Amino acid sequence: MSPELSQAALALGLEFVADISYNPRTNQYRIDLVEPYRSELPKTQNFLTVDVQEFTVDKLLTLFEQKVVAVYGDKYEAAKQVLVRAKESVRTAPDPSETPFDK
């Protein structure tokens, strides 16, 4: 069973899609992601699945936004917080010229 040729062709043309395969056991399509998403995301999140009945390019775009962009957004926020804490610790650190090591 294959998705509509036009939808599959459009999906394969998307920048983030590496391959599309069908799982008859679950009646879902598995959309493998390209690098860097494939290696940067956990193995349980480096692909998308969509039910055969719901397979459209718009659905893939929505899934990519919900599953992949959201992870990178969380990573960005976490990195941003680390940066803020690091900047704060640099501002509140004692002046190196006043440390006991210089005496």
PDB file of N, CA and C in Angstrom:
ATOM      1  N   MET A   1       0.849  -1.173   0.000  1.00  0.00           N
ATOM      2  CA  MET A   1       0.000   0.000   0.000  1.00  0.00           C
ATOM      3  C   MET A   1       0.895   1.237   0.000  1.00  0.00           C
ATOM      4  N   SER A   2       0.638   2.148  -0.895  1.00  0.00           N
ATOM      5  CA  SER A   2       1.453   3.353  -1.016  1.00  0.00           C
ATOM      6  C   SER A   2       0.586   4.583  -0.870  1.00  0.00           C
ATOM      7  N   PRO A   3       1.170   5.666  -0.372  1.00  0.00           N
ATOM      8  CA  PRO A   3       0.399   6.904  -0.331  1.00  0.00           C
ATOM      9  C   PRO A   3       0.193   7.413  -1.749  1.00  0.00           C
ATOM     10  N   GLU A   4      -0.736   8.318  -1.900  1.00  0.00           N
ATOM     11  CA  GLU A   4      -0.942   8.948  -3.198  1.00  0.00           C
ATOM     12  C   GLU A   4       0.396   9.392  -3.751  1.00  0.00           C
ATOM     13  N   LEU A   5       0.631   9.108  -5.021  1.00  0.00           N
ATOM     14  CA  LEU A   5       1.927   9.416  -5.603  1.00  0.00           C
ATOM     15  C   LEU A   5       2.284  10.886  -5.440  1.00  0.00           C
ATOM     16  N   SER A   6       1.336  11.774  -5.663  1.00  0.00           N
ATOM     17  CA  SER A   6       1.654  13.196  -5.561  1.00  0.00           C
ATOM     18  C   SER A   6       2.053  13.575  -4.132  1.00  0.00           C
ATOM     19  N   GLN A   7       1.367  13.036  -3.124  1.00  0.00           N
ATOM     20  CA  GLN A   7       1.708  13.327  -1.730  1.00  0.00           C
ATOM     21  C   GLN A   7       3.069  12.728  -1.377  1.00  0.00           C
ATOM     22  N   ALA A   8       3.321  11.499  -1.834  1.00  0.00           N
ATOM     23  CA  ALA A   8       4.604  10.855  -1.561  1.00  0.00           C
ATOM     24  C   ALA A   8       5.729  11.612  -2.251  1.00  0.00           C
ATOM     25  N   ALA A   9       5.519  11.999  -3.490  1.00  0.00           N
ATOM     26  CA  ALA A   9       6.553  12.733  -4.220  1.00  0.00           C
ATOM     27  C   ALA A   9       6.839  14.069  -3.536  1.00  0.00           C
ATOM     28  N   LEU A  10       5.789  14.741  -3.115  1.00  0.00           N
ATOM     29  CA  LEU A  10       5.978  16.004  -2.396  1.00  0.00           C
ATOM     30  C   LEU A  10       6.707  15.778  -1.076  1.00  0.00           C
ATOM     31  N   ALA A  11       6.316  14.725  -0.359  1.00  0.00           N
ATOM     32  CA  ALA A  11       6.935  14.435   0.938  1.00  0.00           C
ATOM     33  C   ALA A  11       8.416  14.104   0.777  1.00  0.00           C
ATOM     34  N   LEU A  12       8.748  13.308  -0.228  1.00  0.00           N
ATOM     35  CA  LEU A  12      10.151  12.957  -0.453  1.00  0.00           C
ATOM     36  C   LEU A  12      10.978  14.174  -0.856  1.00  0.00           C
ATOM     37  N   GLY A  13      10.330  15.185  -1.369  1.00  0.00           N
ATOM     38  CA  GLY A  13      11.020  16.417  -1.749  1.00  0.00           C
ATOM     39  C   GLY A  13      11.261  17.360  -0.577  1.00  0.00           C
ATOM     40  N   LEU A  14      10.660  17.065   0.564  1.00  0.00           N
ATOM     41  CA  LEU A  14      10.863  17.927   1.728  1.00  0.00           C
ATOM     42  C   LEU A  14      12.287  17.775   2.235  1.00  0.00           C
ATOM     43  N   GLU A  15      12.852  18.859   2.645  1.00  0.00           N
ATOM     44  CA  GLU A  15      14.252  18.911   3.063  1.00  0.00           C
ATOM     45  C   GLU A  15      14.581  17.964   4.219  1.00  0.00           C
ATOM     46  N   PHE A  16      13.624  17.691   5.083  1.00  0.00           N
ATOM     47  CA  PHE A  16      13.901  16.883   6.271  1.00  0.00           C
ATOM     48  C   PHE A  16      13.584  15.401   6.096  1.00  0.00           C
ATOM     49  N   VAL A  17      13.025  14.988   4.953  1.00  0.00           N
ATOM     50  CA  VAL A  17      12.627  13.600   4.728  1.00  0.00           C
ATOM     51  C   VAL A  17      13.740  12.827   4.015  1.00  0.00           C
ATOM     52  N   ALA A  18      14.203  11.743   4.644  1.00  0.00           N
ATOM     53  CA  ALA A  18      15.214  10.886   4.016  1.00  0.00           C
ATOM     54  C   ALA A  18      14.555   9.726   3.285  1.00  0.00           C
ATOM     55  N   ASP A  19      13.516   9.137   3.889  1.00  0.00           N
ATOM     56  CA  ASP A  19      12.876   7.967   3.296  1.00  0.00           C
ATOM     57  C   ASP A  19      11.493   7.787   3.904  1.00  0.00           C
ATOM     58  N   ILE A  20      10.625   7.116   3.157  1.00  0.00           N
ATOM     59  CA  ILE A  20       9.285   6.789   3.644  1.00  0.00           C
ATOM     60  C   ILE A  20       9.098   5.287   3.472  1.00  0.00           C
ATOM     61  N   SER A  21       8.680   4.615   4.538  1.00  0.00           N
ATOM     62  CA  SER A  21       8.406   3.184   4.440  1.00  0.00           C
ATOM     63  C   SER A  21       7.062   2.889   5.102  1.00  0.00           C
ATOM     64  N   TYR A  22       6.474   1.770   4.708  1.00  0.00           N
ATOM     65  CA  TYR A  22       5.162   1.374   5.218  1.00  0.00           C
ATOM     66  C   TYR A  22       5.296   0.198   6.164  1.00  0.00           C
ATOM     67  N   ASN A  23       4.610   0.265   7.311  1.00  0.00           N
ATOM     68  CA  ASN A  23       4.585  -0.832   8.269  1.00  0.00           C
ATOM     69  C   ASN A  23       3.177  -1.428   8.247  1.00  0.00           C
ATOM     70  N   PRO A  24       3.009  -2.591   7.611  1.00  0.00           N
ATOM     71  CA  PRO A  24       1.670  -3.182   7.520  1.00  0.00           C
ATOM     72  C   PRO A  24       1.101  -3.616   8.868  1.00  0.00           C
ATOM     73  N   ARG A  25       1.971  -3.903   9.830  1.00  0.00           N
ATOM     74  CA  ARG A  25       1.516  -4.318  11.154  1.00  0.00           C
ATOM     75  C   ARG A  25       0.769  -3.191  11.864  1.00  0.00           C
ATOM     76  N   THR A  26       1.262  -1.947  11.715  1.00  0.00           N
ATOM     77  CA  THR A  26       0.634  -0.800  12.385  1.00  0.00           C
ATOM     78  C   THR A  26      -0.208   0.047  11.440  1.00  0.00           C
ATOM     79  N   ASN A  27      -0.132  -0.259  10.141  1.00  0.00           N
ATOM     80  CA  ASN A  27      -0.819   0.523   9.104  1.00  0.00           C
ATOM     81  C   ASN A  27      -0.389   2.000   9.162  1.00  0.00           C
ATOM     82  N   GLN A  28       0.926   2.189   9.329  1.00  0.00           N
ATOM     83  CA  GLN A  28       1.496   3.529   9.410  1.00  0.00           C
ATOM     84  C   GLN A  28       2.671   3.663   8.456  1.00  0.00           C
ATOM     85  N   TYR A  29       2.935   4.893   8.090  1.00  0.00           N
ATOM     86  CA  TYR A  29       4.144   5.210   7.346  1.00  0.00           C
ATOM     87  C   TYR A  29       5.183   5.709   8.339  1.00  0.00           C
ATOM     88  N   ARG A  30       6.405   5.292   8.119  1.00  0.00           N
ATOM     89  CA  ARG A  30       7.535   5.769   8.916  1.00  0.00           C
ATOM     90  C   ARG A  30       8.322   6.713   8.020  1.00  0.00           C
ATOM     91  N   ILE A  31       8.534   7.914   8.499  1.00  0.00           N
ATOM     92  CA  ILE A  31       9.282   8.924   7.755  1.00  0.00           C
ATOM     93  C   ILE A  31      10.622   9.092   8.457  1.00  0.00           C
ATOM     94  N   ASP A  32      11.675   8.591   7.819  1.00  0.00           N
ATOM     95  CA  ASP A  32      13.017   8.734   8.377  1.00  0.00           C
ATOM     96  C   ASP A  32      13.532  10.139   8.081  1.00  0.00           C
ATOM     97  N   LEU A  33      14.180  10.718   9.081  1.00  0.00           N
ATOM     98  CA  LEU A  33      14.683  12.083   8.959  1.00  0.00           C
ATOM     99  C   LEU A  33      16.127  12.087   8.466  1.00  0.00           C
ATOM    100  N   VAL A  34      16.511  13.176   7.833  1.00  0.00           N
ATOM    101  CA  VAL A  34      17.881  13.352   7.349  1.00  0.00           C
ATOM    102  C   VAL A  34      18.765  13.842   8.493  1.00  0.00           C
ATOM    103  N   GLU A  35      20.053  13.858   8.233  1.00  0.00           N
ATOM    104  CA  GLU A  35      21.001  14.454   9.181  1.00  0.00           C
ATOM    105  C   GLU A  35      20.783  15.962   9.176  1.00  0.00           C
ATOM    106  N   PRO A  36      20.958  16.647  10.249  1.00  0.00           N
ATOM    107  CA  PRO A  36      21.492  16.219  11.537  1.00  0.00           C
ATOM    108  C   PRO A  36      20.436  15.639  12.478  1.00  0.00           C
ATOM    109  N   TYR A  37      19.159  15.713  12.095  1.00  0.00           N
ATOM    110  CA  TYR A  37      18.094  15.273  13.007  1.00  0.00           C
ATOM    111  C   TYR A  37      18.224  13.789  13.357  1.00  0.00           C
ATOM    112  N   ARG A  38      18.591  12.981  12.388  1.00  0.00           N
ATOM    113  CA  ARG A  38      18.683  11.538  12.602  1.00  0.00           C
ATOM    114  C   ARG A  38      19.653  11.194  13.733  1.00  0.00           C
ATOM    115  N   SER A  39      20.808  11.842  13.770  1.00  0.00           N
ATOM    116  CA  SER A  39      21.794  11.506  14.791  1.00  0.00           C
ATOM    117  C   SER A  39      21.686  12.365  16.051  1.00  0.00           C
ATOM    118  N   GLU A  40      21.122  13.543  15.948  1.00  0.00           N
ATOM    119  CA  GLU A  40      21.040  14.424  17.117  1.00  0.00           C
ATOM    120  C   GLU A  40      19.859  14.111  18.020  1.00  0.00           C
ATOM    121  N   LEU A  41      18.798  13.552  17.464  1.00  0.00           N
ATOM    122  CA  LEU A  41      17.626  13.231  18.262  1.00  0.00           C
ATOM    123  C   LEU A  41      17.759  11.816  18.832  1.00  0.00           C
ATOM    124  N   PRO A  42      17.131  11.553  19.965  1.00  0.00           N
ATOM    125  CA  PRO A  42      17.144  10.189  20.497  1.00  0.00           C
ATOM    126  C   PRO A  42      16.573   9.205  19.466  1.00  0.00           C
ATOM    127  N   LYS A  43      16.999   7.953  19.527  1.00  0.00           N
ATOM    128  CA  LYS A  43      16.566   6.956  18.544  1.00  0.00           C
ATOM    129  C   LYS A  43      15.052   6.796  18.483  1.00  0.00           C
ATOM    130  N   THR A  44      14.379   7.069  19.574  1.00  0.00           N
ATOM    131  CA  THR A  44      12.916   6.954  19.580  1.00  0.00           C
ATOM    132  C   THR A  44      12.231   8.180  18.989  1.00  0.00           C
ATOM    133  N   GLN A  45      13.013   9.214  18.663  1.00  0.00           N
ATOM    134  CA  GLN A  45      12.432  10.451  18.135  1.00  0.00           C
ATOM    135  C   GLN A  45      13.035  10.876  16.800  1.00  0.00           C
ATOM    136  N   ASN A  46      13.908  10.060  16.199  1.00  0.00           N
ATOM    137  CA  ASN A  46      14.556  10.509  14.967  1.00  0.00           C
ATOM    138  C   ASN A  46      13.812  10.073  13.711  1.00  0.00           C
ATOM    139  N   PHE A  47      12.523   9.827  13.862  1.00  0.00           N
ATOM    140  CA  PHE A  47      11.645   9.517  12.738  1.00  0.00           C
ATOM    141  C   PHE A  47      10.234   9.964  13.104  1.00  0.00           C
ATOM    142  N   LEU A  48       9.382  10.051  12.112  1.00  0.00           N
ATOM    143  CA  LEU A  48       7.988  10.409  12.333  1.00  0.00           C
ATOM    144  C   LEU A  48       7.126   9.248  11.878  1.00  0.00           C
ATOM    145  N   THR A  49       5.988   9.046  12.493  1.00  0.00           N
ATOM    146  CA  THR A  49       5.034   8.050  12.024  1.00  0.00           C
ATOM    147  C   THR A  49       3.692   8.726  11.821  1.00  0.00           C
ATOM    148  N   VAL A  50       2.997   8.271  10.796  1.00  0.00           N
ATOM    149  CA  VAL A  50       1.676   8.820  10.509  1.00  0.00           C
ATOM    150  C   VAL A  50       0.800   7.695   9.985  1.00  0.00           C
ATOM    151  N   ASP A  51      -0.456   7.662  10.447  1.00  0.00           N
ATOM    152  CA  ASP A  51      -1.400   6.658   9.968  1.00  0.00           C
ATOM    153  C   ASP A  51      -1.628   6.841   8.474  1.00  0.00           C
ATOM    154  N   VAL A  52      -1.856   5.731   7.795  1.00  0.00           N
ATOM    155  CA  VAL A  52      -2.058   5.757   6.343  1.00  0.00           C
ATOM    156  C   VAL A  52      -3.186   6.713   5.964  1.00  0.00           C
ATOM    157  N   GLN A  53      -4.291   6.676   6.706  1.00  0.00           N
ATOM    158  CA  GLN A  53      -5.444   7.515   6.375  1.00  0.00           C
ATOM    159  C   GLN A  53      -5.155   9.003   6.533  1.00  0.00           C
ATOM    160  N   GLU A  54      -4.179   9.347   7.368  1.00  0.00           N
ATOM    161  CA  GLU A  54      -3.871  10.757   7.639  1.00  0.00           C
ATOM    162  C   GLU A  54      -2.666  11.272   6.849  1.00  0.00           C
ATOM    163  N   PHE A  55      -2.110  10.461   5.958  1.00  0.00           N
ATOM    164  CA  PHE A  55      -0.868  10.830   5.274  1.00  0.00           C
ATOM    165  C   PHE A  55      -1.081  11.968   4.286  1.00  0.00           C
ATOM    166  N   THR A  56      -0.545  13.132   4.633  1.00  0.00           N
ATOM    167  CA  THR A  56      -0.493  14.282   3.725  1.00  0.00           C
ATOM    168  C   THR A  56       0.794  15.046   4.028  1.00  0.00           C
ATOM    169  N   VAL A  57       1.186  15.863   3.109  1.00  0.00           N
ATOM    170  CA  VAL A  57       2.374  16.690   3.332  1.00  0.00           C
ATOM    171  C   VAL A  57       2.119  17.656   4.489  1.00  0.00           C
ATOM    172  N   ASP A  58       0.927  18.209   4.553  1.00  0.00           N
ATOM    173  CA  ASP A  58       0.604  19.115   5.661  1.00  0.00           C
ATOM    174  C   ASP A  58       0.724  18.414   7.007  1.00  0.00           C
ATOM    175  N   LYS A  59       0.300  17.153   7.073  1.00  0.00           N
ATOM    176  CA  LYS A  59       0.418  16.382   8.310  1.00  0.00           C
ATOM    177  C   LYS A  59       1.898  16.182   8.663  1.00  0.00           C
ATOM    178  N   LEU A  60       2.730  15.897   7.667  1.00  0.00           N
ATOM    179  CA  LEU A  60       4.168  15.742   7.916  1.00  0.00           C
ATOM    180  C   LEU A  60       4.783  17.033   8.424  1.00  0.00           C
ATOM    181  N   LEU A  61       4.390  18.147   7.841  1.00  0.00           N
ATOM    182  CA  LEU A  61       4.918  19.440   8.294  1.00  0.00           C
ATOM    183  C   LEU A  61       4.515  19.711   9.741  1.00  0.00           C
ATOM    184  N   THR A  62       3.272  19.393  10.068  1.00  0.00           N
ATOM    185  CA  THR A  62       2.791  19.580  11.436  1.00  0.00           C
ATOM    186  C   THR A  62       3.554  18.681  12.398  1.00  0.00           C
ATOM    187  N   LEU A  63       3.742  17.409  12.034  1.00  0.00           N
ATOM    188  CA  LEU A  63       4.491  16.485  12.887  1.00  0.00           C
ATOM    189  C   LEU A  63       5.926  16.946  13.077  1.00  0.00           C
ATOM    190  N   PHE A  64       6.557  17.422  12.002  1.00  0.00           N
ATOM    191  CA  PHE A  64       7.932  17.906  12.102  1.00  0.00           C
ATOM    192  C   PHE A  64       8.002  19.074  13.085  1.00  0.00           C
ATOM    193  N   GLU A  65       7.041  19.967  12.987  1.00  0.00           N
ATOM    194  CA  GLU A  65       7.013  21.109  13.902  1.00  0.00           C
ATOM    195  C   GLU A  65       6.799  20.652  15.345  1.00  0.00           C
ATOM    196  N   GLN A  66       5.861  19.738  15.557  1.00  0.00           N
ATOM    197  CA  GLN A  66       5.532  19.285  16.909  1.00  0.00           C
ATOM    198  C   GLN A  66       6.618  18.416  17.524  1.00  0.00           C
ATOM    199  N   LYS A  67       7.220  17.557  16.741  1.00  0.00           N
ATOM    200  CA  LYS A  67       8.159  16.569  17.279  1.00  0.00           C
ATOM    201  C   LYS A  67       9.617  17.010  17.208  1.00  0.00           C
ATOM    202  N   VAL A  68      10.017  17.666  16.144  1.00  0.00           N
ATOM    203  CA  VAL A  68      11.428  17.994  15.955  1.00  0.00           C
ATOM    204  C   VAL A  68      11.726  19.436  16.361  1.00  0.00           C
ATOM    205  N   VAL A  69      10.986  20.364  15.813  1.00  0.00           N
ATOM    206  CA  VAL A  69      11.234  21.774  16.135  1.00  0.00           C
ATOM    207  C   VAL A  69      11.037  22.008  17.634  1.00  0.00           C
ATOM    208  N   ALA A  70      10.078  21.339  18.226  1.00  0.00           N
ATOM    209  CA  ALA A  70       9.840  21.493  19.661  1.00  0.00           C
ATOM    210  C   ALA A  70      11.046  21.032  20.478  1.00  0.00           C
ATOM    211  N   VAL A  71      11.667  19.932  20.066  1.00  0.00           N
ATOM    212  CA  VAL A  71      12.859  19.440  20.782  1.00  0.00           C
ATOM    213  C   VAL A  71      13.984  20.451  20.683  1.00  0.00           C
ATOM    214  N   TYR A  72      14.204  20.985  19.486  1.00  0.00           N
ATOM    215  CA  TYR A  72      15.266  21.975  19.324  1.00  0.00           C
ATOM    216  C   TYR A  72      14.931  23.260  20.069  1.00  0.00           C
ATOM    217  N   GLY A  73      13.657  23.610  20.140  1.00  0.00           N
ATOM    218  CA  GLY A  73      13.249  24.776  20.917  1.00  0.00           C
ATOM    219  C   GLY A  73      13.559  24.593  22.383  1.00  0.00           C
ATOM    220  N   ASP A  74      13.284  23.389  22.897  1.00  0.00           N
ATOM    221  CA  ASP A  74      13.603  23.087  24.301  1.00  0.00           C
ATOM    222  C   ASP A  74      15.108  23.140  24.532  1.00  0.00           C
ATOM    223  N   LYS A  75      15.878  22.595  23.584  1.00  0.00           N
ATOM    224  CA  LYS A  75      17.338  22.629  23.708  1.00  0.00           C
ATOM    225  C   LYS A  75      17.834  24.072  23.680  1.00  0.00           C
ATOM    226  N   TYR A  76      17.235  24.897  22.828  1.00  0.00           N
ATOM    227  CA  TYR A  76      17.612  26.307  22.737  1.00  0.00           C
ATOM    228  C   TYR A  76      17.336  26.997  24.068  1.00  0.00           C
ATOM    229  N   GLU A  77      16.161  26.772  24.624  1.00  0.00           N
ATOM    230  CA  GLU A  77      15.809  27.406  25.900  1.00  0.00           C
ATOM    231  C   GLU A  77      16.759  26.954  27.017  1.00  0.00           C
ATOM    232  N   ALA A  78      17.081  25.667  27.045  1.00  0.00           N
ATOM    233  CA  ALA A  78      18.003  25.165  28.067  1.00  0.00           C
ATOM    234  C   ALA A  78      19.387  25.785  27.894  1.00  0.00           C
ATOM    235  N   ALA A  79      19.857  25.863  26.652  1.00  0.00           N
ATOM    236  CA  ALA A  79      21.168  26.465  26.385  1.00  0.00           C
ATOM    237  C   ALA A  79      21.162  27.947  26.744  1.00  0.00           C
ATOM    238  N   LYS A  80      20.061  28.602  26.450  1.00  0.00           N
ATOM    239  CA  LYS A  80      19.939  30.023  26.767  1.00  0.00           C
ATOM    240  C   LYS A  80      20.001  30.245  28.283  1.00  0.00           C
ATOM    241  N   GLN A  81      19.384  29.379  29.052  1.00  0.00           N
ATOM    242  CA  GLN A  81      19.425  29.482  30.512  1.00  0.00           C
ATOM    243  C   GLN A  81      20.835  29.249  31.044  1.00  0.00           C
ATOM    244  N   VAL A  82      21.538  28.303  30.449  1.00  0.00           N
ATOM    245  CA  VAL A  82      22.937  28.059  30.843  1.00  0.00           C
ATOM    246  C   VAL A  82      23.763  29.310  30.585  1.00  0.00           C
ATOM    247  N   LEU A  83      23.566  29.927  29.432  1.00  0.00           N
ATOM    248  CA  LEU A  83      24.297  31.144  29.083  1.00  0.00           C
ATOM    249  C   LEU A  83      23.998  32.261  30.079  1.00  0.00           C
ATOM    250  N   VAL A  84      22.738  32.437  30.424  1.00  0.00           N
ATOM    251  CA  VAL A  84      22.357  33.470  31.383  1.00  0.00           C
ATOM    252  C   VAL A  84      23.031  33.214  32.732  1.00  0.00           C
ATOM    253  N   ARG A  85      23.015  31.959  33.205  1.00  0.00           N
ATOM    254  CA  ARG A  85      23.661  31.628  34.480  1.00  0.00           C
ATOM    255  C   ARG A  85      25.170  31.847  34.404  1.00  0.00           C
ATOM    256  N   ALA A  86      25.770  31.485  33.279  1.00  0.00           N
ATOM    257  CA  ALA A  86      27.216  31.663  33.123  1.00  0.00           C
ATOM    258  C   ALA A  86      27.582  33.139  33.140  1.00  0.00           C
ATOM    259  N   LYS A  87      26.812  33.952  32.441  1.00  0.00           N
ATOM    260  CA  LYS A  87      27.070  35.398  32.432  1.00  0.00           C
ATOM    261  C   LYS A  87      26.922  35.972  33.837  1.00  0.00           C
ATOM    262  N   GLU A  88      25.922  35.512  34.552  1.00  0.00           N
ATOM    263  CA  GLU A  88      25.690  36.004  35.907  1.00  0.00           C
ATOM    264  C   GLU A  88      26.845  35.600  36.822  1.00  0.00           C
ATOM    265  N   SER A  89      27.333  34.368  36.678  1.00  0.00           N
ATOM    266  CA  SER A  89      28.432  33.934  37.538  1.00  0.00           C
ATOM    267  C   SER A  89      29.710  34.707  37.227  1.00  0.00           C
ATOM    268  N   VAL A  90      29.899  35.083  35.972  1.00  0.00           N
ATOM    269  CA  VAL A  90      31.076  35.889  35.612  1.00  0.00           C
ATOM    270  C   VAL A  90      30.958  37.282  36.222  1.00  0.00           C
ATOM    271  N   ARG A  91      29.774  37.849  36.206  1.00  0.00           N
ATOM    272  CA  ARG A  91      29.559  39.187  36.769  1.00  0.00           C
ATOM    273  C   ARG A  91      29.734  39.203  38.276  1.00  0.00           C
ATOM    274  N   THR A  92      29.355  38.111  38.940  1.00  0.00           N
ATOM    275  CA  THR A  92      29.419  38.085  40.404  1.00  0.00           C
ATOM    276  C   THR A  92      30.705  37.457  40.938  1.00  0.00           C
ATOM    277  N   ALA A  93      31.544  36.977  40.041  1.00  0.00           N
ATOM    278  CA  ALA A  93      32.813  36.377  40.477  1.00  0.00           C
ATOM    279  C   ALA A  93      33.729  37.455  41.030  1.00  0.00           C
ATOM    280  N   PRO A  94      34.531  37.099  42.019  1.00  0.00           N
ATOM    281  CA  PRO A  94      35.467  38.096  42.560  1.00  0.00           C
ATOM    282  C   PRO A  94      36.499  38.480  41.508  1.00  0.00           C
ATOM    283  N   ASP A  95      37.012  39.654  41.640  1.00  0.00           N
ATOM    284  CA  ASP A  95      38.045  40.148  40.732  1.00  0.00           C
ATOM    285  C   ASP A  95      39.287  39.285  40.909  1.00  0.00           C
ATOM    286  N   PRO A  96      39.813  38.708  39.822  1.00  0.00           N
ATOM    287  CA  PRO A  96      40.984  37.826  39.942  1.00  0.00           C
ATOM    288  C   PRO A  96      42.199  38.529  40.552  1.00  0.00           C
ATOM    289  N   SER A  97      42.289  39.832  40.405  1.00  0.00           N
ATOM    290  CA  SER A  97      43.429  40.543  40.983  1.00  0.00           C
ATOM    291  C   SER A  97      43.349  40.615  42.493  1.00  0.00           C
ATOM    292  N   GLU A  98      42.171  40.301  43.042  1.00  0.00           N
ATOM    293  CA  GLU A  98      41.990  40.375  44.483  1.00  0.00           C
ATOM    294  C   GLU A  98      41.987  38.987  45.132  1.00  0.00           C
ATOM    295  N   THR A  99      42.393  37.971  44.428  1.00  0.00           N
ATOM    296  CA  THR A  99      42.378  36.635  44.994  1.00  0.00           C
ATOM    297  C   THR A  99      43.618  36.398  45.861  1.00  0.00           C
ATOM    298  N   PRO A 100      43.528  35.472  46.803  1.00  0.00           N
ATOM    299  CA  PRO A 100      44.672  35.189  47.682  1.00  0.00           C
ATOM    300  C   PRO A 100      45.861  34.570  46.922  1.00  0.00           C
ATOM    301  N   PHE A 101      45.649  34.064  45.737  1.00  0.00           N
ATOM    302  CA  PHE A 101      46.738  33.456  44.976  1.00  0.00           C
ATOM    303  C   PHE A 101      47.756  34.485  44.516  1.00  0.00           C
ATOM    304  N   ASP A 102      47.334  35.730  44.424  1.00  0.00           N
ATOM    305  CA  ASP A 102      48.242  36.788  43.954  1.00  0.00           C
ATOM    306  C   ASP A 102      49.111  37.351  45.082  1.00  0.00           C
ATOM    307  N   LYS A 103      48.833  36.976  46.291  1.00  0.00           N
ATOM    308  CA  LYS A 103      49.563  37.555  47.431  1.00  0.00           C
ATOM    309  C   LYS A 103      50.837  36.834  47.705  1.00  0.00           C
TER     310      LYS A 103
END
